[in-house]
Amino acid sequence: MGMHLSRTIAEGRAFMQMIDGKAVDAESGERLDIRCPSDGKVFASIPASAAADVDRAMAAARAAFENGPWRPHAGIRTRPHSDPTVPAG
């Protein structure tokens, strides 16, 4: 079933987080190694996100919501059900 997961780190499996439409690392620059549970070998690396990264992401999401092209449609998302067969209210 494909190559062993522990080989992927050597092949560039260093993932980033998406904030404001850009792939970025954690503000601290710290990373977490992800290990294969079957053999303990590192197969990926991800940003060690912290509160500052969440704040950045939330600010970007708020700005996108307030200024994005979908703003005129924001009311559509306030319905409790998105299923068109469920009556509103």
N, C-alpha and C. Protein backbone atom coordinates (compact mmCIF):
# COMPACT_ATOMS: atom_id res chain seq x y z
N MET A 1 0.84 -1.19 0.00
CA MET A 1 0.00 0.00 0.00
C MET A 1 0.87 1.24 0.00
N GLY A 2 1.69 1.44 -0.96
CA GLY A 2 2.53 2.64 -1.03
C GLY A 2 3.74 2.55 -0.13
N MET A 3 4.50 3.63 -0.10
CA MET A 3 5.72 3.65 0.71
C MET A 3 5.42 3.82 2.20
N HIS A 4 6.34 3.43 3.02
CA HIS A 4 6.19 3.54 4.46
C HIS A 4 6.16 5.02 4.85
N LEU A 5 5.30 5.36 5.78
CA LEU A 5 5.12 6.76 6.17
C LEU A 5 6.38 7.42 6.68
N SER A 6 7.25 6.67 7.35
CA SER A 6 8.45 7.29 7.92
C SER A 6 9.40 7.82 6.86
N ARG A 7 9.23 7.40 5.61
CA ARG A 7 10.09 7.92 4.53
C ARG A 7 9.67 9.31 4.08
N THR A 8 8.43 9.72 4.35
CA THR A 8 7.92 10.96 3.78
C THR A 8 8.60 12.20 4.35
N ILE A 9 9.11 12.16 5.57
CA ILE A 9 9.78 13.34 6.13
C ILE A 9 11.03 13.67 5.30
N ALA A 10 11.72 12.64 4.87
CA ALA A 10 12.91 12.85 4.04
C ALA A 10 12.53 13.38 2.66
N GLU A 11 11.27 13.21 2.31
CA GLU A 11 10.80 13.65 1.00
C GLU A 11 10.01 14.95 1.08
N GLY A 12 10.18 15.70 2.15
CA GLY A 12 9.59 17.03 2.23
C GLY A 12 8.22 17.13 2.84
N ARG A 13 7.87 16.27 3.78
CA ARG A 13 6.58 16.34 4.42
C ARG A 13 6.62 17.30 5.61
N ALA A 14 7.02 18.53 5.35
CA ALA A 14 7.01 19.57 6.38
C ALA A 14 5.82 20.47 6.06
N PHE A 15 4.73 20.28 6.78
CA PHE A 15 3.49 20.99 6.50
C PHE A 15 3.48 22.38 7.13
N MET A 16 2.68 23.26 6.54
CA MET A 16 2.51 24.62 7.04
C MET A 16 1.05 24.81 7.39
N GLN A 17 0.74 25.93 8.06
CA GLN A 17 -0.64 26.27 8.33
C GLN A 17 -1.05 27.40 7.39
N MET A 18 -2.32 27.45 7.05
CA MET A 18 -2.83 28.48 6.15
C MET A 18 -3.45 29.59 6.98
N ILE A 19 -2.90 30.79 6.86
CA ILE A 19 -3.46 31.98 7.51
C ILE A 19 -3.48 33.10 6.48
N ASP A 20 -4.63 33.69 6.30
CA ASP A 20 -4.81 34.79 5.36
C ASP A 20 -4.43 34.38 3.94
N GLY A 21 -4.72 33.13 3.60
CA GLY A 21 -4.46 32.63 2.26
C GLY A 21 -3.00 32.33 1.97
N LYS A 22 -2.17 32.32 3.00
CA LYS A 22 -0.74 32.06 2.81
C LYS A 22 -0.31 30.89 3.69
N ALA A 23 0.60 30.08 3.17
CA ALA A 23 1.19 29.00 3.96
C ALA A 23 2.26 29.62 4.85
N VAL A 24 2.06 29.52 6.16
CA VAL A 24 2.99 30.14 7.11
C VAL A 24 3.37 29.15 8.20
N ASP A 25 4.50 29.39 8.81
CA ASP A 25 4.94 28.59 9.94
C ASP A 25 4.37 29.22 11.21
N ALA A 26 4.56 28.58 12.34
CA ALA A 26 4.16 29.16 13.62
C ALA A 26 4.97 30.43 13.85
N GLU A 27 4.36 31.40 14.50
CA GLU A 27 5.06 32.65 14.77
C GLU A 27 6.36 32.41 15.54
N SER A 28 6.36 31.42 16.41
CA SER A 28 7.55 31.10 17.20
C SER A 28 8.64 30.41 16.38
N GLY A 29 8.25 29.86 15.23
CA GLY A 29 9.19 29.09 14.42
C GLY A 29 9.35 27.65 14.90
N GLU A 30 8.70 27.31 16.01
CA GLU A 30 8.80 25.95 16.54
C GLU A 30 7.93 25.00 15.71
N ARG A 31 8.37 23.73 15.67
CA ARG A 31 7.65 22.71 14.91
C ARG A 31 7.48 21.46 15.76
N LEU A 32 6.51 20.66 15.42
CA LEU A 32 6.27 19.38 16.08
C LEU A 32 6.52 18.25 15.09
N ASP A 33 7.24 17.25 15.52
CA ASP A 33 7.45 16.06 14.71
C ASP A 33 6.27 15.12 14.92
N ILE A 34 5.76 14.58 13.84
CA ILE A 34 4.67 13.61 13.91
C ILE A 34 5.27 12.24 13.66
N ARG A 35 5.02 11.32 14.60
CA ARG A 35 5.63 9.99 14.55
C ARG A 35 4.62 8.92 14.17
N CYS A 36 5.09 7.95 13.47
CA CYS A 36 4.29 6.79 13.12
C CYS A 36 4.09 5.95 14.38
N PRO A 37 2.86 5.64 14.74
CA PRO A 37 2.64 4.87 15.96
C PRO A 37 3.17 3.44 15.90
N SER A 38 3.36 2.92 14.70
CA SER A 38 3.81 1.53 14.61
C SER A 38 5.31 1.38 14.83
N ASP A 39 6.10 2.40 14.48
CA ASP A 39 7.54 2.25 14.65
C ASP A 39 8.22 3.45 15.30
N GLY A 40 7.46 4.51 15.58
CA GLY A 40 8.02 5.68 16.26
C GLY A 40 8.85 6.59 15.38
N LYS A 41 8.93 6.31 14.10
CA LYS A 41 9.73 7.14 13.21
C LYS A 41 8.96 8.39 12.81
N VAL A 42 9.68 9.50 12.67
CA VAL A 42 9.08 10.76 12.25
C VAL A 42 8.69 10.66 10.78
N PHE A 43 7.43 11.00 10.46
CA PHE A 43 7.02 10.98 9.07
C PHE A 43 6.53 12.34 8.58
N ALA A 44 6.40 13.32 9.49
CA ALA A 44 5.96 14.65 9.08
C ALA A 44 6.35 15.65 10.15
N SER A 45 6.26 16.92 9.78
CA SER A 45 6.56 18.01 10.69
C SER A 45 5.48 19.07 10.48
N ILE A 46 4.92 19.58 11.59
CA ILE A 46 3.88 20.60 11.51
C ILE A 46 4.24 21.78 12.40
N PRO A 47 3.67 22.97 12.12
CA PRO A 47 3.93 24.12 12.98
C PRO A 47 3.40 23.88 14.40
N ALA A 48 4.15 24.31 15.39
CA ALA A 48 3.70 24.23 16.79
C ALA A 48 2.93 25.52 17.09
N SER A 49 1.72 25.58 16.60
CA SER A 49 0.91 26.78 16.74
C SER A 49 0.56 27.05 18.19
N ALA A 50 0.49 28.33 18.52
CA ALA A 50 0.17 28.77 19.88
C ALA A 50 -0.89 29.87 19.80
N ALA A 51 -1.18 30.50 20.91
CA ALA A 51 -2.23 31.52 20.98
C ALA A 51 -2.00 32.64 19.97
N ALA A 52 -0.77 33.05 19.77
CA ALA A 52 -0.49 34.13 18.82
C ALA A 52 -0.88 33.74 17.40
N ASP A 53 -0.71 32.47 17.06
CA ASP A 53 -1.09 31.99 15.73
C ASP A 53 -2.60 31.94 15.59
N VAL A 54 -3.29 31.55 16.65
CA VAL A 54 -4.75 31.54 16.63
C VAL A 54 -5.27 32.97 16.48
N ASP A 55 -4.67 33.90 17.20
CA ASP A 55 -5.07 35.31 17.08
C ASP A 55 -4.89 35.82 15.66
N ARG A 56 -3.75 35.46 15.04
CA ARG A 56 -3.50 35.85 13.65
C ARG A 56 -4.56 35.27 12.71
N ALA A 57 -4.87 34.00 12.90
CA ALA A 57 -5.86 33.34 12.06
C ALA A 57 -7.25 33.94 12.26
N MET A 58 -7.60 34.23 13.50
CA MET A 58 -8.91 34.82 13.78
C MET A 58 -9.02 36.22 13.18
N ALA A 59 -7.97 37.00 13.26
CA ALA A 59 -7.98 38.35 12.68
C ALA A 59 -8.12 38.27 11.16
N ALA A 60 -7.43 37.33 10.55
CA ALA A 60 -7.53 37.16 9.09
C ALA A 60 -8.93 36.70 8.70
N ALA A 61 -9.50 35.80 9.48
CA ALA A 61 -10.85 35.30 9.19
C ALA A 61 -11.88 36.42 9.34
N ARG A 62 -11.74 37.21 10.39
CA ARG A 62 -12.66 38.34 10.60
C ARG A 62 -12.56 39.33 9.45
N ALA A 63 -11.34 39.68 9.04
CA ALA A 63 -11.15 40.62 7.93
C ALA A 63 -11.74 40.06 6.64
N ALA A 64 -11.56 38.77 6.41
CA ALA A 64 -12.10 38.14 5.20
C ALA A 64 -13.63 38.16 5.24
N PHE A 65 -14.19 37.92 6.41
CA PHE A 65 -15.65 37.93 6.54
C PHE A 65 -16.20 39.34 6.34
N GLU A 66 -15.56 40.31 6.95
CA GLU A 66 -16.04 41.69 6.87
C GLU A 66 -15.84 42.31 5.49
N ASN A 67 -14.77 41.96 4.81
CA ASN A 67 -14.42 42.61 3.56
C ASN A 67 -14.48 41.70 2.34
N GLY A 68 -14.79 40.42 2.55
CA GLY A 68 -14.77 39.46 1.44
C GLY A 68 -15.96 39.60 0.52
N PRO A 69 -15.90 38.98 -0.64
CA PRO A 69 -16.98 39.09 -1.62
C PRO A 69 -18.27 38.41 -1.19
N TRP A 70 -18.23 37.55 -0.18
CA TRP A 70 -19.43 36.85 0.28
C TRP A 70 -20.17 37.62 1.37
N ARG A 71 -19.69 38.77 1.77
CA ARG A 71 -20.33 39.54 2.84
C ARG A 71 -21.81 39.79 2.60
N PRO A 72 -22.25 40.13 1.38
CA PRO A 72 -23.68 40.36 1.18
C PRO A 72 -24.53 39.11 1.44
N HIS A 73 -23.93 37.95 1.46
CA HIS A 73 -24.66 36.70 1.66
C HIS A 73 -24.57 36.20 3.10
N ALA A 74 -24.06 37.01 4.00
CA ALA A 74 -23.85 36.55 5.38
C ALA A 74 -25.14 36.10 6.06
N GLY A 75 -26.26 36.71 5.73
CA GLY A 75 -27.53 36.34 6.34
C GLY A 75 -27.95 34.92 6.05
N ILE A 76 -27.51 34.39 4.94
CA ILE A 76 -27.86 33.02 4.58
C ILE A 76 -27.32 32.05 5.62
N ARG A 77 -26.20 32.35 6.21
CA ARG A 77 -25.56 31.45 7.18
C ARG A 77 -26.21 31.50 8.55
N THR A 78 -27.19 32.37 8.76
CA THR A 78 -27.80 32.49 10.09
C THR A 78 -28.94 31.51 10.30
N ARG A 79 -29.39 30.82 9.25
CA ARG A 79 -30.44 29.83 9.40
C ARG A 79 -29.94 28.66 10.24
N PRO A 80 -30.78 28.13 11.11
CA PRO A 80 -30.33 27.01 11.95
C PRO A 80 -30.08 25.73 11.17
N HIS A 81 -30.70 25.58 10.00
CA HIS A 81 -30.52 24.38 9.20
C HIS A 81 -30.14 24.78 7.78
N SER A 82 -29.20 24.08 7.21
CA SER A 82 -28.86 24.36 5.82
C SER A 82 -29.60 23.44 4.87
N ASP A 83 -30.37 22.51 5.40
CA ASP A 83 -31.14 21.58 4.59
C ASP A 83 -32.39 22.29 4.06
N PRO A 84 -32.50 22.43 2.73
CA PRO A 84 -33.65 23.17 2.17
C PRO A 84 -35.01 22.51 2.46
N THR A 85 -35.01 21.25 2.86
CA THR A 85 -36.29 20.59 3.17
C THR A 85 -36.76 20.88 4.58
N VAL A 86 -35.91 21.50 5.42
CA VAL A 86 -36.28 21.84 6.79
C VAL A 86 -36.83 23.27 6.78
N PRO A 87 -38.07 23.48 7.23
CA PRO A 87 -38.63 24.83 7.20
C PRO A 87 -37.87 25.77 8.14
N ALA A 88 -37.71 27.02 7.71
CA ALA A 88 -37.05 28.03 8.55
C ALA A 88 -37.99 28.42 9.68
N GLY A 89 -37.37 28.76 10.83
CA GLY A 89 -38.12 29.29 11.97
C GLY A 89 -38.75 28.22 12.74
